[in-house]
C-alpha cells in the first residue's frame, strides 16, 4: 500500500459561525474558498499539524475539539481530514495562501465558491453541528 499525504483542515467556529478562507495561491485555486489548514509534517499528529497550520496561515491559537467523520480525496495520494476547532486567542487574518476571510452563519454556507473537495467536508461539519445542537430532532 502506498503512503498517502494527510491534509488537515479546521472548521474554526465562533458564535455559531464558520470561518472560510479565500485562496490566493496556487493560481488554479485562487479566488475559491476553503477550510484553512495544511499538510502534516513528518512525526506530527494531525491535531498538532492543524494547530501549527492555523497559527502560520491565520495568526490564531486554536484547540481541535472533534474530528468531523469522513475523509475526502484531494488528488491522487492526498486526503483531507477535518476537525471542529475552537478559537483560543487571536483575530484571524490572512497571512499565507489566502487573501480574504469570512465568517459564515449557518444559513450562509452556500454563499461562497468552495473548493470542490471542501464542499462535502463542509456539509459533514454542518451535519455534525446540527446533530450536536439537537436540530436533527426538530423537523
N, C-alpha and C. Protein backbone atom coordinates (compact mmCIF):
# COMPACT_ATOMS: atom_id res chain seq x y z
N UNK A 1 0.86 -1.19 0.00
CA UNK A 1 0.00 0.00 0.00
C UNK A 1 0.90 1.24 0.00
N UNK A 2 0.56 2.21 -0.83
CA UNK A 2 1.38 3.41 -0.93
C UNK A 2 1.04 4.36 0.21
N UNK A 3 2.04 5.15 0.57
CA UNK A 3 1.80 6.16 1.59
C UNK A 3 0.89 7.24 1.04
N UNK A 4 0.15 7.83 1.90
CA UNK A 4 -0.71 8.94 1.49
C UNK A 4 -0.35 10.16 2.32
N UNK A 5 -0.62 11.30 1.75
CA UNK A 5 -0.37 12.57 2.43
C UNK A 5 -1.69 13.02 3.04
N UNK A 6 -1.68 13.29 4.34
CA UNK A 6 -2.87 13.77 5.03
C UNK A 6 -2.81 15.29 5.10
N UNK A 7 -3.87 15.91 4.64
CA UNK A 7 -4.04 17.35 4.75
C UNK A 7 -5.14 17.57 5.79
N UNK A 8 -4.85 18.39 6.79
CA UNK A 8 -5.82 18.66 7.85
C UNK A 8 -6.40 20.05 7.64
N UNK A 9 -7.67 20.18 7.96
CA UNK A 9 -8.33 21.48 7.85
C UNK A 9 -9.16 21.72 9.11
N UNK A 10 -9.31 22.98 9.45
CA UNK A 10 -10.05 23.35 10.64
C UNK A 10 -11.37 24.02 10.32
N UNK A 11 -12.43 23.49 10.91
CA UNK A 11 -13.73 24.15 10.89
C UNK A 11 -13.71 25.06 12.12
N UNK A 12 -13.13 26.24 11.95
CA UNK A 12 -12.98 27.20 13.06
C UNK A 12 -14.33 27.87 13.28
N UNK A 13 -14.84 27.74 14.49
CA UNK A 13 -16.18 28.25 14.80
C UNK A 13 -16.11 29.27 15.92
N UNK A 14 -16.97 30.27 15.77
CA UNK A 14 -17.12 31.27 16.82
C UNK A 14 -18.54 31.82 16.73
N UNK A 15 -19.25 31.77 17.86
CA UNK A 15 -20.62 32.28 17.93
C UNK A 15 -21.50 31.68 16.83
N UNK A 16 -21.32 30.38 16.57
CA UNK A 16 -22.14 29.68 15.59
C UNK A 16 -21.75 29.90 14.15
N UNK A 17 -20.69 30.68 13.91
CA UNK A 17 -20.26 30.97 12.53
C UNK A 17 -19.02 30.16 12.19
N UNK A 18 -18.87 29.84 10.91
CA UNK A 18 -17.75 29.07 10.39
C UNK A 18 -16.82 29.99 9.62
N UNK A 19 -15.52 29.85 9.84
CA UNK A 19 -14.54 30.67 9.15
C UNK A 19 -14.17 30.04 7.81
N UNK A 20 -14.30 30.81 6.74
CA UNK A 20 -13.90 30.39 5.39
C UNK A 20 -12.74 31.27 4.95
N UNK A 21 -11.80 30.68 4.23
CA UNK A 21 -10.61 31.40 3.76
C UNK A 21 -10.55 31.31 2.23
N UNK A 22 -10.34 32.48 1.58
CA UNK A 22 -10.26 32.50 0.11
C UNK A 22 -8.80 32.33 -0.32
N UNK A 23 -8.57 31.35 -1.18
CA UNK A 23 -7.23 31.04 -1.66
C UNK A 23 -6.70 32.16 -2.54
N UNK A 24 -5.41 32.45 -2.39
CA UNK A 24 -4.72 33.37 -3.30
C UNK A 24 -3.67 32.62 -4.12
N UNK A 25 -3.36 31.40 -3.73
CA UNK A 25 -2.38 30.58 -4.43
C UNK A 25 -2.69 29.11 -4.14
N UNK A 26 -2.29 28.21 -5.00
CA UNK A 26 -1.76 28.41 -6.34
C UNK A 26 -2.81 28.97 -7.29
N UNK A 27 -2.38 29.37 -8.46
CA UNK A 27 -3.25 30.06 -9.41
C UNK A 27 -4.54 29.31 -9.71
N UNK A 28 -4.45 27.98 -9.85
CA UNK A 28 -5.65 27.21 -10.21
C UNK A 28 -6.69 27.16 -9.09
N UNK A 29 -6.32 27.52 -7.88
CA UNK A 29 -7.26 27.54 -6.75
C UNK A 29 -7.63 28.96 -6.31
N UNK A 30 -6.92 29.94 -6.82
CA UNK A 30 -7.11 31.33 -6.38
C UNK A 30 -8.55 31.78 -6.60
N UNK A 31 -9.09 32.47 -5.59
CA UNK A 31 -10.44 33.01 -5.66
C UNK A 31 -11.51 32.09 -5.12
N UNK A 32 -11.16 30.84 -4.83
CA UNK A 32 -12.13 29.90 -4.26
C UNK A 32 -11.88 29.77 -2.76
N UNK A 33 -12.87 29.26 -2.07
CA UNK A 33 -12.87 29.24 -0.60
C UNK A 33 -12.60 27.84 -0.07
N UNK A 34 -12.01 27.79 1.12
CA UNK A 34 -11.69 26.52 1.76
C UNK A 34 -11.73 26.65 3.27
N UNK A 35 -11.70 25.50 3.92
CA UNK A 35 -11.43 25.44 5.35
C UNK A 35 -9.91 25.50 5.47
N UNK A 36 -9.36 26.40 6.26
CA UNK A 36 -7.90 26.56 6.31
C UNK A 36 -7.21 25.37 6.98
N UNK A 37 -5.96 25.14 6.59
CA UNK A 37 -5.17 24.06 7.15
C UNK A 37 -3.98 23.76 6.27
N UNK A 38 -3.47 22.54 6.36
CA UNK A 38 -2.32 22.16 5.54
C UNK A 38 -1.86 20.75 5.83
N UNK A 39 -0.71 20.41 5.26
CA UNK A 39 -0.16 19.05 5.32
C UNK A 39 0.54 18.76 6.65
N UNK A 40 0.44 17.50 7.05
CA UNK A 40 1.19 17.02 8.20
C UNK A 40 2.67 17.00 7.84
N UNK A 41 3.51 17.35 8.79
CA UNK A 41 4.95 17.20 8.65
C UNK A 41 5.34 15.87 9.29
N UNK A 42 6.48 15.31 8.88
CA UNK A 42 6.91 14.02 9.47
C UNK A 42 6.92 14.07 10.99
N UNK A 43 6.33 13.03 11.60
CA UNK A 43 6.30 12.92 13.05
C UNK A 43 5.19 13.68 13.74
N UNK A 44 4.41 14.45 13.00
CA UNK A 44 3.32 15.23 13.60
C UNK A 44 2.04 14.41 13.68
N UNK A 45 1.29 14.62 14.73
CA UNK A 45 -0.08 14.11 14.80
C UNK A 45 -0.98 15.10 14.06
N UNK A 46 -2.09 14.67 13.52
CA UNK A 46 -2.98 15.58 12.80
C UNK A 46 -3.37 16.82 13.60
N UNK A 47 -3.68 16.64 14.88
CA UNK A 47 -4.10 17.78 15.70
C UNK A 47 -2.96 18.79 15.86
N UNK A 48 -1.73 18.31 16.00
CA UNK A 48 -0.58 19.20 16.11
C UNK A 48 -0.39 19.99 14.82
N UNK A 49 -0.50 19.29 13.68
CA UNK A 49 -0.34 19.94 12.38
C UNK A 49 -1.40 21.02 12.20
N UNK A 50 -2.62 20.74 12.61
CA UNK A 50 -3.70 21.70 12.44
C UNK A 50 -3.44 22.97 13.26
N UNK A 51 -3.05 22.80 14.51
CA UNK A 51 -2.74 23.97 15.35
C UNK A 51 -1.62 24.79 14.72
N UNK A 52 -0.57 24.11 14.26
CA UNK A 52 0.57 24.80 13.63
C UNK A 52 0.13 25.52 12.35
N UNK A 53 -0.60 24.85 11.50
CA UNK A 53 -1.03 25.44 10.23
C UNK A 53 -1.92 26.66 10.45
N UNK A 54 -2.85 26.59 11.39
CA UNK A 54 -3.74 27.72 11.63
C UNK A 54 -2.98 28.90 12.23
N UNK A 55 -1.96 28.62 13.02
CA UNK A 55 -1.10 29.68 13.55
C UNK A 55 -0.34 30.35 12.40
N UNK A 56 0.25 29.53 11.51
CA UNK A 56 1.04 30.06 10.40
C UNK A 56 0.17 30.81 9.38
N UNK A 57 -0.99 30.24 9.04
CA UNK A 57 -1.82 30.81 7.98
C UNK A 57 -2.68 31.97 8.44
N UNK A 58 -3.15 31.93 9.70
CA UNK A 58 -4.13 32.90 10.17
C UNK A 58 -3.71 33.69 11.41
N UNK A 59 -2.60 33.30 12.04
CA UNK A 59 -2.14 34.01 13.22
C UNK A 59 -3.01 33.80 14.45
N UNK A 60 -3.64 32.64 14.55
CA UNK A 60 -4.53 32.37 15.69
C UNK A 60 -4.07 31.13 16.44
N UNK A 61 -4.45 31.06 17.71
CA UNK A 61 -4.24 29.87 18.53
C UNK A 61 -5.57 29.15 18.62
N UNK A 62 -5.53 27.84 18.40
CA UNK A 62 -6.76 27.06 18.34
C UNK A 62 -6.62 25.77 19.13
N UNK A 63 -7.76 25.14 19.36
CA UNK A 63 -7.81 23.84 20.01
C UNK A 63 -8.73 22.93 19.20
N UNK A 64 -8.18 21.85 18.60
CA UNK A 64 -9.05 20.89 17.93
C UNK A 64 -9.99 20.25 18.97
N UNK A 65 -11.27 20.21 18.65
CA UNK A 65 -12.27 19.71 19.59
C UNK A 65 -12.73 18.31 19.21
N UNK A 66 -13.03 18.12 17.92
CA UNK A 66 -13.60 16.85 17.48
C UNK A 66 -13.33 16.66 16.00
N UNK A 67 -12.98 15.44 15.63
CA UNK A 67 -12.78 15.15 14.21
C UNK A 67 -14.15 15.00 13.55
N UNK A 68 -14.29 15.62 12.41
CA UNK A 68 -15.52 15.50 11.61
C UNK A 68 -15.46 14.14 10.92
N UNK A 69 -16.50 13.31 11.06
CA UNK A 69 -16.47 11.99 10.43
C UNK A 69 -16.29 12.08 8.93
N UNK A 70 -15.39 11.25 8.42
CA UNK A 70 -15.16 11.18 6.99
C UNK A 70 -13.75 11.57 6.62
N UNK A 71 -13.45 11.36 5.36
CA UNK A 71 -12.16 11.68 4.78
C UNK A 71 -12.41 11.89 3.29
N UNK A 72 -11.81 12.93 2.70
CA UNK A 72 -12.13 13.30 1.33
C UNK A 72 -10.88 13.33 0.47
N UNK A 73 -10.93 12.69 -0.71
CA UNK A 73 -9.77 12.70 -1.60
C UNK A 73 -9.54 14.09 -2.17
N UNK A 74 -8.27 14.49 -2.23
CA UNK A 74 -7.91 15.79 -2.80
C UNK A 74 -7.37 15.60 -4.21
N UNK A 75 -6.33 14.81 -4.32
CA UNK A 75 -5.73 14.41 -5.60
C UNK A 75 -5.06 13.08 -5.31
N UNK A 76 -4.60 12.36 -6.31
CA UNK A 76 -4.01 11.05 -6.02
C UNK A 76 -2.94 11.11 -4.92
N UNK A 77 -3.15 10.27 -3.89
CA UNK A 77 -2.20 10.20 -2.79
C UNK A 77 -2.44 11.18 -1.66
N UNK A 78 -3.43 12.07 -1.79
CA UNK A 78 -3.73 13.09 -0.78
C UNK A 78 -5.16 12.93 -0.29
N UNK A 79 -5.35 13.04 1.03
CA UNK A 79 -6.69 13.02 1.61
C UNK A 79 -6.86 14.18 2.57
N UNK A 80 -8.10 14.63 2.70
CA UNK A 80 -8.45 15.73 3.60
C UNK A 80 -9.17 15.18 4.81
N UNK A 81 -8.71 15.59 6.01
CA UNK A 81 -9.39 15.30 7.25
C UNK A 81 -9.71 16.65 7.91
N UNK A 82 -10.90 16.72 8.53
CA UNK A 82 -11.37 18.00 9.10
C UNK A 82 -11.67 17.82 10.58
N UNK A 83 -11.31 18.85 11.34
CA UNK A 83 -11.63 18.91 12.77
C UNK A 83 -12.46 20.15 13.06
N UNK A 84 -13.43 20.00 13.96
CA UNK A 84 -14.08 21.16 14.54
C UNK A 84 -13.05 21.77 15.48
N UNK A 85 -12.88 23.09 15.40
CA UNK A 85 -11.80 23.77 16.11
C UNK A 85 -12.37 24.95 16.89
N UNK A 86 -11.87 25.10 18.10
CA UNK A 86 -12.24 26.24 18.95
C UNK A 86 -11.14 27.29 18.85
N UNK A 87 -11.53 28.53 18.64
CA UNK A 87 -10.60 29.65 18.62
C UNK A 87 -10.23 29.99 20.07
N UNK A 88 -8.95 29.89 20.41
CA UNK A 88 -8.47 30.15 21.76
C UNK A 88 -8.08 31.61 21.92
N UNK A 89 -7.30 32.12 20.95
CA UNK A 89 -6.89 33.52 21.02
C UNK A 89 -6.47 34.01 19.63
N UNK A 90 -6.50 35.33 19.51
CA UNK A 90 -6.10 35.97 18.26
C UNK A 90 -7.30 36.30 17.39
N UNK A 91 -7.06 37.18 16.46
CA UNK A 91 -8.08 37.56 15.47
C UNK A 91 -7.59 37.04 14.12
N UNK A 92 -8.34 36.15 13.48
CA UNK A 92 -7.86 35.58 12.21
C UNK A 92 -7.59 36.67 11.17
N UNK A 93 -6.46 36.50 10.49
CA UNK A 93 -6.11 37.38 9.38
C UNK A 93 -5.35 36.55 8.35
N UNK A 94 -5.51 36.85 7.08
CA UNK A 94 -4.84 36.04 6.05
C UNK A 94 -3.35 36.35 5.98
N UNK A 95 -2.53 35.37 6.36
CA UNK A 95 -1.08 35.55 6.38
C UNK A 95 -0.37 34.79 5.26
N UNK A 96 -0.90 33.62 4.91
CA UNK A 96 -0.28 32.77 3.88
C UNK A 96 -1.36 32.14 3.01
N UNK A 97 -1.17 32.19 1.72
CA UNK A 97 -2.01 31.48 0.74
C UNK A 97 -3.47 31.93 0.68
N UNK A 98 -3.84 32.97 1.42
CA UNK A 98 -5.22 33.47 1.41
C UNK A 98 -5.20 35.00 1.27
N UNK A 99 -6.27 35.53 0.68
CA UNK A 99 -6.35 37.00 0.57
C UNK A 99 -7.60 37.56 1.22
N UNK A 100 -8.48 36.70 1.74
CA UNK A 100 -9.69 37.16 2.42
C UNK A 100 -10.20 36.06 3.34
N UNK A 101 -10.90 36.49 4.38
CA UNK A 101 -11.55 35.58 5.33
C UNK A 101 -12.99 36.03 5.49
N UNK A 102 -13.89 35.09 5.75
CA UNK A 102 -15.29 35.42 6.01
C UNK A 102 -15.84 34.50 7.08
N UNK A 103 -16.58 35.09 8.02
CA UNK A 103 -17.34 34.31 8.99
C UNK A 103 -18.71 34.06 8.39
N UNK A 104 -19.09 32.80 8.27
CA UNK A 104 -20.37 32.44 7.66
C UNK A 104 -21.33 31.89 8.70
N UNK A 105 -22.51 32.50 8.78
CA UNK A 105 -23.57 31.99 9.64
C UNK A 105 -24.11 30.70 9.01
N UNK A 106 -24.79 29.86 9.79
CA UNK A 106 -25.28 28.58 9.25
C UNK A 106 -26.03 28.71 7.93
N UNK A 107 -26.84 29.71 7.75
CA UNK A 107 -27.59 29.87 6.51
C UNK A 107 -26.79 30.46 5.36
N UNK A 108 -25.53 30.77 5.60
CA UNK A 108 -24.69 31.41 4.58
C UNK A 108 -23.62 30.49 4.00
N UNK A 109 -23.62 29.23 4.37
CA UNK A 109 -22.54 28.33 3.96
C UNK A 109 -22.46 28.18 2.44
N UNK A 110 -23.56 28.35 1.74
CA UNK A 110 -23.55 28.22 0.27
C UNK A 110 -23.29 29.54 -0.45
N UNK A 111 -22.90 30.57 0.27
CA UNK A 111 -22.71 31.88 -0.37
C UNK A 111 -21.29 32.10 -0.87
N UNK A 112 -20.41 31.14 -0.66
CA UNK A 112 -19.05 31.24 -1.19
C UNK A 112 -18.79 30.08 -2.14
N UNK A 113 -17.84 30.25 -3.03
CA UNK A 113 -17.47 29.23 -4.01
C UNK A 113 -16.41 28.31 -3.40
N UNK A 114 -16.86 27.30 -2.66
CA UNK A 114 -15.95 26.36 -2.00
C UNK A 114 -15.16 25.57 -3.03
N UNK A 115 -13.94 25.22 -2.69
CA UNK A 115 -13.19 24.25 -3.49
C UNK A 115 -13.99 22.96 -3.53
N UNK A 116 -13.94 22.27 -4.65
CA UNK A 116 -14.75 21.05 -4.81
C UNK A 116 -14.57 20.06 -3.67
N UNK A 117 -13.33 19.83 -3.24
CA UNK A 117 -13.08 18.86 -2.18
C UNK A 117 -13.53 19.35 -0.82
N UNK A 118 -13.71 20.64 -0.64
CA UNK A 118 -14.16 21.16 0.65
C UNK A 118 -15.68 21.10 0.79
N UNK A 119 -16.41 21.07 -0.32
CA UNK A 119 -17.88 21.05 -0.24
C UNK A 119 -18.41 19.90 0.62
N UNK A 120 -18.00 18.64 0.36
CA UNK A 120 -18.52 17.56 1.21
C UNK A 120 -18.03 17.64 2.64
N UNK A 121 -16.83 18.18 2.85
CA UNK A 121 -16.30 18.33 4.21
C UNK A 121 -17.12 19.36 4.99
N UNK A 122 -17.47 20.47 4.34
CA UNK A 122 -18.30 21.50 4.99
C UNK A 122 -19.69 20.92 5.30
N UNK A 123 -20.23 20.14 4.36
CA UNK A 123 -21.54 19.52 4.59
C UNK A 123 -21.49 18.55 5.77
N UNK A 124 -20.39 17.78 5.88
CA UNK A 124 -20.24 16.85 7.01
C UNK A 124 -20.12 17.62 8.32
N UNK A 125 -19.37 18.73 8.31
CA UNK A 125 -19.27 19.55 9.52
C UNK A 125 -20.65 20.09 9.91
N UNK A 126 -21.41 20.54 8.92
CA UNK A 126 -22.75 21.09 9.19
C UNK A 126 -23.66 20.02 9.79
N UNK A 127 -23.60 18.78 9.28
CA UNK A 127 -24.39 17.68 9.85
C UNK A 127 -23.99 17.44 11.30
N UNK A 128 -22.69 17.41 11.57
CA UNK A 128 -22.21 17.20 12.93
C UNK A 128 -22.70 18.32 13.85
N UNK A 129 -22.59 19.56 13.39
CA UNK A 129 -23.04 20.71 14.18
C UNK A 129 -24.52 20.60 14.50
N UNK A 130 -25.33 20.24 13.51
CA UNK A 130 -26.78 20.11 13.72
C UNK A 130 -27.11 18.99 14.69
N UNK A 131 -26.40 17.85 14.55
CA UNK A 131 -26.64 16.73 15.47
C UNK A 131 -26.32 17.14 16.90
N UNK A 132 -25.21 17.82 17.09
CA UNK A 132 -24.81 18.23 18.44
C UNK A 132 -25.76 19.26 19.02
N UNK A 133 -26.35 20.06 18.15
CA UNK A 133 -27.31 21.08 18.62
C UNK A 133 -28.71 20.49 18.80
N UNK A 134 -28.89 19.23 18.40
CA UNK A 134 -30.20 18.61 18.51
C UNK A 134 -31.16 19.04 17.43
N UNK A 135 -30.66 19.72 16.40
CA UNK A 135 -31.53 20.20 15.33
C UNK A 135 -32.08 19.06 14.49
N UNK A 136 -31.36 17.94 14.45
CA UNK A 136 -31.85 16.80 13.68
C UNK A 136 -33.13 16.23 14.26
N UNK A 137 -33.41 16.53 15.52
CA UNK A 137 -34.61 16.02 16.17
C UNK A 137 -35.82 16.91 15.92
N UNK A 138 -35.60 18.13 15.48
CA UNK A 138 -36.69 19.08 15.26
C UNK A 138 -36.87 19.28 13.76
N UNK A 139 -37.95 18.78 13.23
CA UNK A 139 -38.22 18.96 11.79
C UNK A 139 -39.41 19.83 11.59
